């Protein structure tokens, strides 16, 4: 029995997100697992959201290795739920999807509108019940 069935990778549109997908697919390939890509939207991005092609990019990376992949989009912030932030959203998504392993970018480029996961890695590393790879 493989230790991992599902690898969750959190992305935010940064270049580091693409690298995180590559690592997630590599882990999934090594353990014959699937990958779920969660695109975490920022505070003001949700209302002006444009598909930035990350689902397609992730699918291409996974196809190269023959890894099963699916995607979702989640809001990293809530005006009605103060405890909702990118870190809690990543952990909640991991629990909801039954992820056994989490991969996320550590240092997105500060200042870009897509850099939602900037301080999330530290939070996820502290509170995740799954193994975490921060790249």
N, C-alpha and C. Protein backbone atom coordinates (compact mmCIF):
# COMPACT_ATOMS: atom_id res chain seq x y z
N UNK A 1 0.85 -1.19 0.00
CA UNK A 1 0.00 0.00 0.00
C UNK A 1 0.89 1.25 0.00
N UNK A 2 0.58 2.16 -0.91
CA UNK A 2 1.35 3.40 -0.99
C UNK A 2 0.95 4.34 0.15
N UNK A 3 1.91 5.10 0.68
CA UNK A 3 1.58 6.01 1.78
C UNK A 3 0.74 7.21 1.36
N UNK A 4 0.72 7.53 0.07
CA UNK A 4 -0.02 8.68 -0.42
C UNK A 4 -0.94 8.28 -1.56
N UNK A 5 -2.21 8.67 -1.46
CA UNK A 5 -3.16 8.46 -2.55
C UNK A 5 -3.47 9.76 -3.27
N UNK A 6 -3.41 10.88 -2.52
CA UNK A 6 -3.74 12.18 -3.10
C UNK A 6 -2.79 13.25 -2.60
N UNK A 7 -2.19 13.96 -3.53
CA UNK A 7 -1.30 15.08 -3.22
C UNK A 7 -2.04 16.36 -3.56
N UNK A 8 -2.18 17.24 -2.57
CA UNK A 8 -2.81 18.55 -2.80
C UNK A 8 -1.70 19.56 -3.04
N UNK A 9 -1.84 20.34 -4.11
CA UNK A 9 -0.89 21.43 -4.36
C UNK A 9 -1.69 22.73 -4.43
N UNK A 10 -1.29 23.69 -3.61
CA UNK A 10 -1.94 25.00 -3.59
C UNK A 10 -1.18 25.93 -4.52
N UNK A 11 -1.90 26.64 -5.39
CA UNK A 11 -1.28 27.57 -6.33
C UNK A 11 -1.96 28.92 -6.24
N UNK A 12 -1.22 29.95 -6.67
CA UNK A 12 -1.78 31.30 -6.62
C UNK A 12 -1.48 32.11 -7.88
N UNK A 13 -0.97 31.47 -8.89
CA UNK A 13 -0.68 32.18 -10.13
C UNK A 13 0.74 32.65 -10.26
N UNK A 14 1.55 32.47 -9.23
CA UNK A 14 2.96 32.89 -9.30
C UNK A 14 3.79 31.85 -10.04
N UNK A 15 5.00 32.26 -10.44
CA UNK A 15 5.91 31.32 -11.10
C UNK A 15 6.24 30.17 -10.16
N UNK A 16 6.32 30.46 -8.87
CA UNK A 16 6.62 29.44 -7.87
C UNK A 16 5.53 28.38 -7.83
N UNK A 17 4.31 28.76 -8.18
CA UNK A 17 3.21 27.80 -8.22
C UNK A 17 3.44 26.72 -9.25
N UNK A 18 3.95 27.10 -10.40
CA UNK A 18 4.24 26.12 -11.44
C UNK A 18 5.29 25.12 -10.94
N UNK A 19 6.29 25.62 -10.26
CA UNK A 19 7.31 24.74 -9.69
C UNK A 19 6.69 23.81 -8.64
N UNK A 20 5.76 24.33 -7.83
CA UNK A 20 5.09 23.50 -6.83
C UNK A 20 4.30 22.38 -7.50
N UNK A 21 3.64 22.68 -8.62
CA UNK A 21 2.90 21.65 -9.36
C UNK A 21 3.87 20.58 -9.85
N UNK A 22 5.02 20.99 -10.35
CA UNK A 22 6.01 20.03 -10.82
C UNK A 22 6.45 19.10 -9.69
N UNK A 23 6.69 19.63 -8.51
CA UNK A 23 7.06 18.81 -7.36
C UNK A 23 5.91 17.89 -6.95
N UNK A 24 4.70 18.42 -6.93
CA UNK A 24 3.54 17.60 -6.55
C UNK A 24 3.37 16.42 -7.49
N UNK A 25 3.52 16.68 -8.78
CA UNK A 25 3.40 15.61 -9.78
C UNK A 25 4.52 14.58 -9.61
N UNK A 26 5.71 15.04 -9.29
CA UNK A 26 6.83 14.12 -9.05
C UNK A 26 6.55 13.21 -7.85
N UNK A 27 6.06 13.79 -6.76
CA UNK A 27 5.71 13.00 -5.58
C UNK A 27 4.59 12.02 -5.93
N UNK A 28 3.56 12.51 -6.60
CA UNK A 28 2.44 11.65 -6.97
C UNK A 28 2.89 10.51 -7.87
N UNK A 29 3.76 10.80 -8.81
CA UNK A 29 4.26 9.77 -9.71
C UNK A 29 5.04 8.70 -8.94
N UNK A 30 5.85 9.12 -7.99
CA UNK A 30 6.66 8.18 -7.21
C UNK A 30 5.80 7.24 -6.36
N UNK A 31 4.64 7.73 -5.92
CA UNK A 31 3.78 6.94 -5.03
C UNK A 31 2.49 6.49 -5.68
N UNK A 32 2.41 6.62 -7.00
CA UNK A 32 1.21 6.22 -7.74
C UNK A 32 -0.04 6.88 -7.15
N UNK A 33 0.07 8.18 -6.91
CA UNK A 33 -1.02 8.97 -6.33
C UNK A 33 -1.60 9.92 -7.37
N UNK A 34 -2.72 10.51 -7.05
CA UNK A 34 -3.34 11.55 -7.87
C UNK A 34 -2.96 12.92 -7.30
N UNK A 35 -3.20 13.96 -8.09
CA UNK A 35 -2.91 15.33 -7.66
C UNK A 35 -4.19 16.15 -7.74
N UNK A 36 -4.41 16.98 -6.71
CA UNK A 36 -5.48 17.97 -6.76
C UNK A 36 -4.83 19.34 -6.67
N UNK A 37 -5.10 20.20 -7.64
CA UNK A 37 -4.58 21.56 -7.67
C UNK A 37 -5.67 22.50 -7.16
N UNK A 38 -5.38 23.21 -6.07
CA UNK A 38 -6.32 24.19 -5.52
C UNK A 38 -5.78 25.59 -5.82
N UNK A 39 -6.48 26.32 -6.67
CA UNK A 39 -6.10 27.69 -7.01
C UNK A 39 -6.72 28.59 -5.94
N UNK A 40 -5.88 29.23 -5.13
CA UNK A 40 -6.33 30.06 -4.01
C UNK A 40 -6.40 31.51 -4.46
N UNK A 41 -7.62 32.03 -4.49
CA UNK A 41 -7.84 33.41 -4.93
C UNK A 41 -7.60 34.40 -3.80
N UNK A 42 -7.07 35.58 -4.16
CA UNK A 42 -6.84 36.64 -3.19
C UNK A 42 -8.10 37.43 -2.90
N UNK A 43 -7.99 38.40 -2.00
CA UNK A 43 -9.13 39.20 -1.56
C UNK A 43 -9.90 39.86 -2.69
N UNK A 44 -9.19 40.57 -3.55
CA UNK A 44 -9.87 41.32 -4.59
C UNK A 44 -9.85 40.62 -5.94
N UNK A 45 -9.27 39.45 -6.00
CA UNK A 45 -9.19 38.74 -7.27
C UNK A 45 -10.51 38.07 -7.61
N UNK A 46 -11.23 37.61 -6.60
CA UNK A 46 -12.46 36.84 -6.84
C UNK A 46 -13.45 37.59 -7.73
N UNK A 47 -13.60 38.88 -7.51
CA UNK A 47 -14.57 39.62 -8.32
C UNK A 47 -14.07 39.91 -9.73
N UNK A 48 -12.76 39.91 -9.91
CA UNK A 48 -12.18 40.16 -11.23
C UNK A 48 -11.43 38.94 -11.75
N UNK A 49 -11.82 37.76 -11.30
CA UNK A 49 -11.08 36.54 -11.62
C UNK A 49 -11.05 36.25 -13.11
N UNK A 50 -9.86 35.99 -13.58
CA UNK A 50 -9.67 35.55 -14.96
C UNK A 50 -8.93 34.23 -14.90
N UNK A 51 -9.31 33.29 -15.74
CA UNK A 51 -8.62 32.01 -15.79
C UNK A 51 -7.22 32.28 -16.33
N UNK A 52 -6.21 32.04 -15.51
CA UNK A 52 -4.84 32.33 -15.92
C UNK A 52 -4.15 31.13 -16.53
N UNK A 53 -4.90 30.08 -16.83
CA UNK A 53 -4.33 28.93 -17.51
C UNK A 53 -3.62 27.95 -16.61
N UNK A 54 -3.72 28.09 -15.29
CA UNK A 54 -2.99 27.18 -14.41
C UNK A 54 -3.55 25.77 -14.43
N UNK A 55 -4.84 25.63 -14.68
CA UNK A 55 -5.40 24.28 -14.79
C UNK A 55 -4.80 23.56 -15.99
N UNK A 56 -4.67 24.28 -17.10
CA UNK A 56 -4.09 23.69 -18.30
C UNK A 56 -2.61 23.39 -18.11
N UNK A 57 -1.89 24.30 -17.49
CA UNK A 57 -0.46 24.09 -17.23
C UNK A 57 -0.26 22.88 -16.33
N UNK A 58 -1.06 22.80 -15.27
CA UNK A 58 -0.96 21.66 -14.35
C UNK A 58 -1.29 20.36 -15.07
N UNK A 59 -2.31 20.38 -15.92
CA UNK A 59 -2.69 19.18 -16.66
C UNK A 59 -1.57 18.73 -17.59
N UNK A 60 -0.90 19.67 -18.23
CA UNK A 60 0.22 19.33 -19.12
C UNK A 60 1.37 18.69 -18.35
N UNK A 61 1.68 19.25 -17.18
CA UNK A 61 2.76 18.71 -16.35
C UNK A 61 2.41 17.30 -15.90
N UNK A 62 1.16 17.09 -15.48
CA UNK A 62 0.73 15.77 -15.01
C UNK A 62 0.68 14.76 -16.15
N UNK A 63 0.24 15.20 -17.33
CA UNK A 63 0.16 14.30 -18.49
C UNK A 63 1.53 13.73 -18.86
N UNK A 64 2.56 14.55 -18.72
CA UNK A 64 3.91 14.10 -19.05
C UNK A 64 4.33 12.89 -18.21
N UNK A 65 3.79 12.80 -16.99
CA UNK A 65 4.14 11.70 -16.08
C UNK A 65 3.03 10.66 -15.96
N UNK A 66 1.90 10.90 -16.64
CA UNK A 66 0.78 9.97 -16.54
C UNK A 66 0.10 10.01 -15.18
N UNK A 67 0.08 11.17 -14.54
CA UNK A 67 -0.51 11.33 -13.21
C UNK A 67 -1.92 11.91 -13.35
N UNK A 68 -2.86 11.31 -12.64
CA UNK A 68 -4.25 11.81 -12.63
C UNK A 68 -4.29 13.14 -11.88
N UNK A 69 -5.07 14.09 -12.43
CA UNK A 69 -5.12 15.42 -11.83
C UNK A 69 -6.52 15.99 -11.92
N UNK A 70 -6.92 16.75 -10.89
CA UNK A 70 -8.13 17.55 -10.97
C UNK A 70 -7.86 18.88 -10.28
N UNK A 71 -8.75 19.84 -10.48
CA UNK A 71 -8.51 21.19 -9.99
C UNK A 71 -9.76 21.77 -9.32
N UNK A 72 -9.54 22.78 -8.50
CA UNK A 72 -10.63 23.55 -7.92
C UNK A 72 -10.13 24.97 -7.70
N UNK A 73 -11.05 25.87 -7.49
CA UNK A 73 -10.73 27.25 -7.18
C UNK A 73 -11.38 27.58 -5.84
N UNK A 74 -10.60 28.12 -4.92
CA UNK A 74 -11.11 28.46 -3.59
C UNK A 74 -10.74 29.89 -3.24
N UNK A 75 -11.58 30.53 -2.47
CA UNK A 75 -11.32 31.90 -2.05
C UNK A 75 -10.47 31.88 -0.79
N UNK A 76 -9.36 32.58 -0.81
CA UNK A 76 -8.46 32.61 0.33
C UNK A 76 -8.91 33.51 1.46
N UNK A 77 -9.93 34.31 1.21
CA UNK A 77 -10.40 35.26 2.22
C UNK A 77 -11.92 35.32 2.21
N UNK A 78 -12.48 35.75 3.33
CA UNK A 78 -13.92 35.92 3.42
C UNK A 78 -14.23 37.18 4.22
N UNK A 79 -15.20 37.95 3.75
CA UNK A 79 -15.61 39.14 4.49
C UNK A 79 -16.50 38.77 5.67
N UNK A 80 -17.13 37.60 5.62
CA UNK A 80 -18.02 37.20 6.70
C UNK A 80 -17.37 36.22 7.69
N UNK A 81 -16.26 35.62 7.31
CA UNK A 81 -15.58 34.66 8.17
C UNK A 81 -14.14 35.12 8.39
N UNK A 82 -13.88 35.78 9.51
CA UNK A 82 -12.57 36.37 9.76
C UNK A 82 -11.47 35.33 9.88
N UNK A 83 -11.82 34.12 10.27
CA UNK A 83 -10.81 33.08 10.43
C UNK A 83 -10.40 32.44 9.10
N UNK A 84 -11.06 32.84 8.01
CA UNK A 84 -10.71 32.28 6.70
C UNK A 84 -9.58 33.09 6.08
N UNK A 85 -8.46 32.41 5.86
CA UNK A 85 -7.30 33.00 5.22
C UNK A 85 -6.64 31.90 4.39
N UNK A 86 -5.67 32.22 3.54
CA UNK A 86 -5.11 31.19 2.66
C UNK A 86 -4.62 29.94 3.39
N UNK A 87 -4.01 30.10 4.55
CA UNK A 87 -3.52 28.94 5.29
C UNK A 87 -4.65 28.01 5.72
N UNK A 88 -5.71 28.60 6.27
CA UNK A 88 -6.84 27.78 6.72
C UNK A 88 -7.55 27.14 5.53
N UNK A 89 -7.59 27.85 4.42
CA UNK A 89 -8.24 27.33 3.21
C UNK A 89 -7.47 26.13 2.66
N UNK A 90 -6.15 26.21 2.66
CA UNK A 90 -5.34 25.08 2.19
C UNK A 90 -5.58 23.86 3.09
N UNK A 91 -5.56 24.06 4.40
CA UNK A 91 -5.78 22.94 5.32
C UNK A 91 -7.20 22.38 5.20
N UNK A 92 -8.19 23.26 5.08
CA UNK A 92 -9.58 22.80 4.91
C UNK A 92 -9.74 22.01 3.61
N UNK A 93 -9.14 22.50 2.54
CA UNK A 93 -9.23 21.80 1.25
C UNK A 93 -8.55 20.44 1.34
N UNK A 94 -7.42 20.37 2.02
CA UNK A 94 -6.72 19.09 2.19
C UNK A 94 -7.61 18.10 2.94
N UNK A 95 -8.28 18.56 3.98
CA UNK A 95 -9.17 17.68 4.75
C UNK A 95 -10.38 17.25 3.92
N UNK A 96 -11.00 18.22 3.23
CA UNK A 96 -12.19 17.92 2.42
C UNK A 96 -11.88 16.93 1.31
N UNK A 97 -10.71 17.04 0.71
CA UNK A 97 -10.34 16.18 -0.41
C UNK A 97 -9.69 14.88 0.03
N UNK A 98 -9.34 14.79 1.31
CA UNK A 98 -8.67 13.59 1.80
C UNK A 98 -7.23 13.50 1.35
N UNK A 99 -6.57 14.65 1.25
CA UNK A 99 -5.17 14.68 0.80
C UNK A 99 -4.25 14.06 1.85
N UNK A 100 -3.27 13.32 1.37
CA UNK A 100 -2.29 12.67 2.24
C UNK A 100 -0.98 13.43 2.29
N UNK A 101 -0.81 14.41 1.41
CA UNK A 101 0.46 15.13 1.27
C UNK A 101 0.12 16.50 0.69
N UNK A 102 0.80 17.54 1.16
CA UNK A 102 0.54 18.91 0.68
C UNK A 102 1.82 19.49 0.11
N UNK A 103 1.71 20.14 -1.04
CA UNK A 103 2.82 20.88 -1.64
C UNK A 103 2.35 22.30 -1.86
N UNK A 104 3.18 23.28 -1.49
CA UNK A 104 2.82 24.67 -1.77
C UNK A 104 4.08 25.51 -1.93
N UNK A 105 3.93 26.61 -2.70
CA UNK A 105 5.08 27.49 -2.89
C UNK A 105 5.40 28.24 -1.61
N UNK A 106 6.67 28.48 -1.38
CA UNK A 106 7.10 29.15 -0.15
C UNK A 106 7.27 30.65 -0.34
N UNK A 107 7.82 31.07 -1.46
CA UNK A 107 8.16 32.48 -1.61
C UNK A 107 7.69 33.06 -2.93
N UNK A 108 6.37 33.30 -3.07
CA UNK A 108 5.93 33.94 -4.31
C UNK A 108 6.48 35.36 -4.40
N UNK A 109 6.50 35.87 -5.60
CA UNK A 109 7.05 37.20 -5.80
C UNK A 109 6.14 38.24 -5.17
N UNK A 110 6.66 38.88 -4.13
CA UNK A 110 5.90 39.89 -3.41
C UNK A 110 5.57 41.04 -4.35
N UNK A 111 4.36 41.54 -4.22
CA UNK A 111 3.95 42.68 -5.03
C UNK A 111 3.11 42.30 -6.22
N UNK A 112 3.08 41.04 -6.61
CA UNK A 112 2.23 40.65 -7.71
C UNK A 112 0.84 40.39 -7.17
N UNK A 113 -0.17 40.66 -7.97
CA UNK A 113 -1.53 40.47 -7.48
C UNK A 113 -1.85 39.01 -7.22
N UNK A 114 -1.05 38.12 -7.80
CA UNK A 114 -1.28 36.69 -7.65
C UNK A 114 -0.61 36.10 -6.42
N UNK A 115 0.22 36.85 -5.72
CA UNK A 115 0.99 36.31 -4.60
C UNK A 115 0.14 36.17 -3.35
N UNK A 116 -0.80 35.25 -3.38
CA UNK A 116 -1.73 35.05 -2.27
C UNK A 116 -1.12 34.16 -1.19
N UNK A 117 -0.28 33.24 -1.59
CA UNK A 117 0.25 32.25 -0.65
C UNK A 117 1.54 32.67 0.03
N UNK A 118 1.85 33.95 0.00
CA UNK A 118 3.13 34.45 0.49
C UNK A 118 3.49 33.99 1.90
N UNK A 119 2.58 34.08 2.84
CA UNK A 119 2.89 33.71 4.22
C UNK A 119 2.17 32.43 4.64
N UNK A 120 1.60 31.75 3.68
CA UNK A 120 0.80 30.57 3.97
C UNK A 120 1.64 29.36 4.33
N UNK A 121 2.79 29.21 3.69
CA UNK A 121 3.61 28.01 3.90
C UNK A 121 3.93 27.80 5.37
N UNK A 122 4.32 28.84 6.07
CA UNK A 122 4.67 28.72 7.48
C UNK A 122 3.47 28.23 8.29
N UNK A 123 2.30 28.79 8.03
CA UNK A 123 1.08 28.39 8.74
C UNK A 123 0.77 26.92 8.48
N UNK A 124 0.80 26.52 7.21
CA UNK A 124 0.49 25.13 6.85
C UNK A 124 1.52 24.18 7.45
N UNK A 125 2.79 24.54 7.43
CA UNK A 125 3.82 23.70 8.03
C UNK A 125 3.58 23.49 9.52
N UNK A 126 3.07 24.51 10.20
CA UNK A 126 2.83 24.42 11.64
C UNK A 126 1.59 23.59 11.98
N UNK A 127 0.55 23.66 11.16
CA UNK A 127 -0.74 23.11 11.55
C UNK A 127 -1.23 21.91 10.74
N UNK A 128 -0.57 21.53 9.68
CA UNK A 128 -1.04 20.42 8.85
C UNK A 128 -0.85 19.09 9.57
N UNK A 129 -1.81 18.20 9.39
CA UNK A 129 -1.66 16.85 9.92
C UNK A 129 -0.99 15.94 8.89
N UNK A 130 -0.88 16.41 7.65
CA UNK A 130 -0.23 15.67 6.57
C UNK A 130 1.22 16.14 6.44
N UNK A 131 2.08 15.33 5.80
CA UNK A 131 3.41 15.82 5.45
C UNK A 131 3.28 16.99 4.47
N UNK A 132 4.17 17.97 4.59
CA UNK A 132 4.12 19.17 3.74
C UNK A 132 5.48 19.39 3.09
N UNK A 133 5.45 19.69 1.81
CA UNK A 133 6.65 20.08 1.07
C UNK A 133 6.43 21.52 0.62
N UNK A 134 7.27 22.41 1.11
CA UNK A 134 7.20 23.82 0.72
C UNK A 134 8.37 24.11 -0.19
N UNK A 135 8.06 24.50 -1.44
CA UNK A 135 9.13 24.70 -2.44
C UNK A 135 9.20 26.13 -2.92
